[in-house]
Amino acid sequence: MTELPETTVGAEETRRTTLMRRYRLDPELAQEFVAFLRDEVFPAREERGFTVESVWLAADSTELTWYVSRFGTAEEFAAAEKEWEESEERARIFSGRPKYVLDKDLTQVTRLR
């Protein structure tokens, strides 16, 4: 097994805040949700300075995990996240959508490798 470094990777990583977003999904809506994220949510968030690092879907389509980062401190990330959550753009994008996400867990993480 490869040994992990004891500190974060690279100087850039110390200037970024990353959030792991883990969603429990309705598996019948999972592919529709993935397309919705890819085509509408991710581009809108990236225009606001967020970077979608990676997206993972469980083999049984019941869980989706994605990592989103942004330059700045945790407080700056939280402020940008709040602005996005309260934006008219987000409200418009999510308007009339089915309930894709049954439960979610949001955790700030640090990249080690």
Protein backbone atom coordinates (compact mmCIF):
# COMPACT_ATOMS: atom_id res chain seq x y z
CA MET A 1 0.00 0.00 0.00
CA THR A 2 1.23 3.49 -0.82
CA GLU A 3 2.06 5.58 2.22
CA LEU A 4 0.16 8.86 2.45
CA PRO A 5 2.04 12.10 3.13
CA GLU A 6 1.74 13.59 6.60
CA THR A 7 0.82 17.05 5.28
CA THR A 8 -1.50 18.42 2.64
CA VAL A 9 -0.45 18.34 -0.99
CA GLY A 10 1.07 21.51 -2.41
CA ALA A 11 0.82 25.13 -1.40
CA GLU A 12 -2.33 25.66 -3.48
CA GLU A 13 -4.21 23.17 -1.33
CA THR A 14 -3.59 25.26 1.78
CA ARG A 15 -5.41 28.19 0.13
CA ARG A 16 -8.49 26.17 -0.84
CA THR A 17 -11.45 25.02 1.18
CA THR A 18 -13.05 21.76 0.07
CA LEU A 19 -16.41 20.31 0.98
CA MET A 20 -17.43 16.69 0.55
CA ARG A 21 -21.12 16.53 -0.30
CA ARG A 22 -22.61 13.06 0.14
CA TYR A 23 -26.23 12.53 -0.92
CA ARG A 24 -28.52 9.55 -0.41
CA LEU A 25 -30.58 9.35 -3.61
CA ASP A 26 -33.78 7.93 -4.95
CA PRO A 27 -32.07 5.38 -7.25
CA GLU A 28 -34.81 5.70 -9.87
CA LEU A 29 -33.94 9.40 -10.26
CA ALA A 30 -30.15 9.06 -9.97
CA GLN A 31 -29.29 9.33 -13.67
CA GLU A 32 -31.62 12.31 -14.10
CA PHE A 33 -29.99 13.95 -11.06
CA VAL A 34 -26.48 13.37 -12.43
CA ALA A 35 -27.47 15.01 -15.73
CA PHE A 36 -29.09 17.91 -13.84
CA LEU A 37 -25.92 18.45 -11.80
CA ARG A 38 -23.65 18.20 -14.85
CA ASP A 39 -25.74 20.42 -17.14
CA GLU A 40 -27.14 23.04 -14.78
CA VAL A 41 -25.85 23.05 -11.20
CA PHE A 42 -22.12 22.58 -11.76
CA PRO A 43 -21.79 25.26 -14.49
CA ALA A 44 -23.70 27.76 -12.34
CA ARG A 45 -21.53 27.06 -9.31
CA GLU A 46 -18.33 27.23 -11.36
CA GLU A 47 -19.35 30.67 -12.63
CA ARG A 48 -19.39 31.70 -8.95
CA GLY A 49 -15.81 30.57 -8.33
CA PHE A 50 -16.41 27.01 -7.12
CA THR A 51 -14.49 24.07 -8.60
CA VAL A 52 -16.13 20.66 -8.87
CA GLU A 53 -13.20 18.37 -8.07
CA SER A 54 -14.79 14.97 -8.64
CA VAL A 55 -18.16 13.22 -8.62
CA TRP A 56 -18.81 9.60 -7.62
CA LEU A 57 -21.99 7.55 -7.98
CA ALA A 58 -22.40 4.28 -6.04
CA ALA A 59 -22.86 1.19 -8.21
CA ASP A 60 -26.43 0.77 -6.94
CA SER A 61 -27.19 4.48 -7.61
CA THR A 62 -28.27 5.10 -4.02
CA GLU A 63 -25.45 7.46 -3.11
CA LEU A 64 -23.66 10.30 -4.87
CA THR A 65 -20.55 11.94 -3.43
CA TRP A 66 -18.93 15.01 -4.88
CA TYR A 67 -16.15 17.33 -3.84
CA VAL A 68 -16.38 21.06 -4.39
CA SER A 69 -13.64 23.54 -3.56
CA ARG A 70 -13.00 27.26 -3.66
CA PHE A 71 -9.99 29.45 -3.03
CA GLY A 72 -10.13 31.01 0.41
CA THR A 73 -10.80 30.20 4.04
CA ALA A 74 -13.64 28.10 5.39
CA GLU A 75 -15.43 31.31 6.33
CA GLU A 76 -15.10 32.68 2.78
CA PHE A 77 -16.34 29.36 1.39
CA ALA A 78 -19.33 29.44 3.75
CA ALA A 79 -20.19 33.01 2.70
CA ALA A 80 -20.03 32.10 -1.00
CA GLU A 81 -22.07 28.95 -0.34
CA LYS A 82 -24.73 30.98 1.50
CA GLU A 83 -24.86 33.48 -1.35
CA TRP A 84 -25.38 30.60 -3.82
CA GLU A 85 -28.03 28.92 -1.65
CA GLU A 86 -30.01 32.18 -1.40
CA SER A 87 -29.59 33.23 -5.03
CA GLU A 88 -32.43 33.69 -7.49
CA GLU A 89 -30.39 31.69 -10.00
CA ARG A 90 -30.35 28.63 -7.73
CA ALA A 91 -34.06 29.00 -6.99
CA ARG A 92 -34.77 29.10 -10.73
CA ILE A 93 -32.56 26.08 -11.49
CA PHE A 94 -34.17 23.95 -8.77
CA SER A 95 -37.75 25.13 -9.37
CA GLY A 96 -40.12 22.27 -10.17
CA ARG A 97 -37.46 19.57 -9.81
CA PRO A 98 -38.29 16.25 -8.14
CA LYS A 99 -36.83 15.36 -4.77
CA TYR A 100 -33.62 13.69 -5.93
CA VAL A 101 -31.85 13.86 -2.56
CA LEU A 102 -33.36 11.96 0.36
CA ASP A 103 -30.62 12.87 2.85
CA LYS A 104 -27.28 14.65 2.74
CA ASP A 105 -24.04 14.98 4.67
CA LEU A 106 -21.74 17.96 4.13
CA THR A 107 -18.23 17.77 5.55
CA GLN A 108 -15.21 20.02 5.14
CA VAL A 109 -12.25 17.86 4.13
CA THR A 110 -8.51 18.26 3.55
CA ARG A 111 -6.82 16.67 0.57
CA LEU A 112 -3.92 14.46 1.60
CA ARG A 113 -3.03 13.05 -1.77
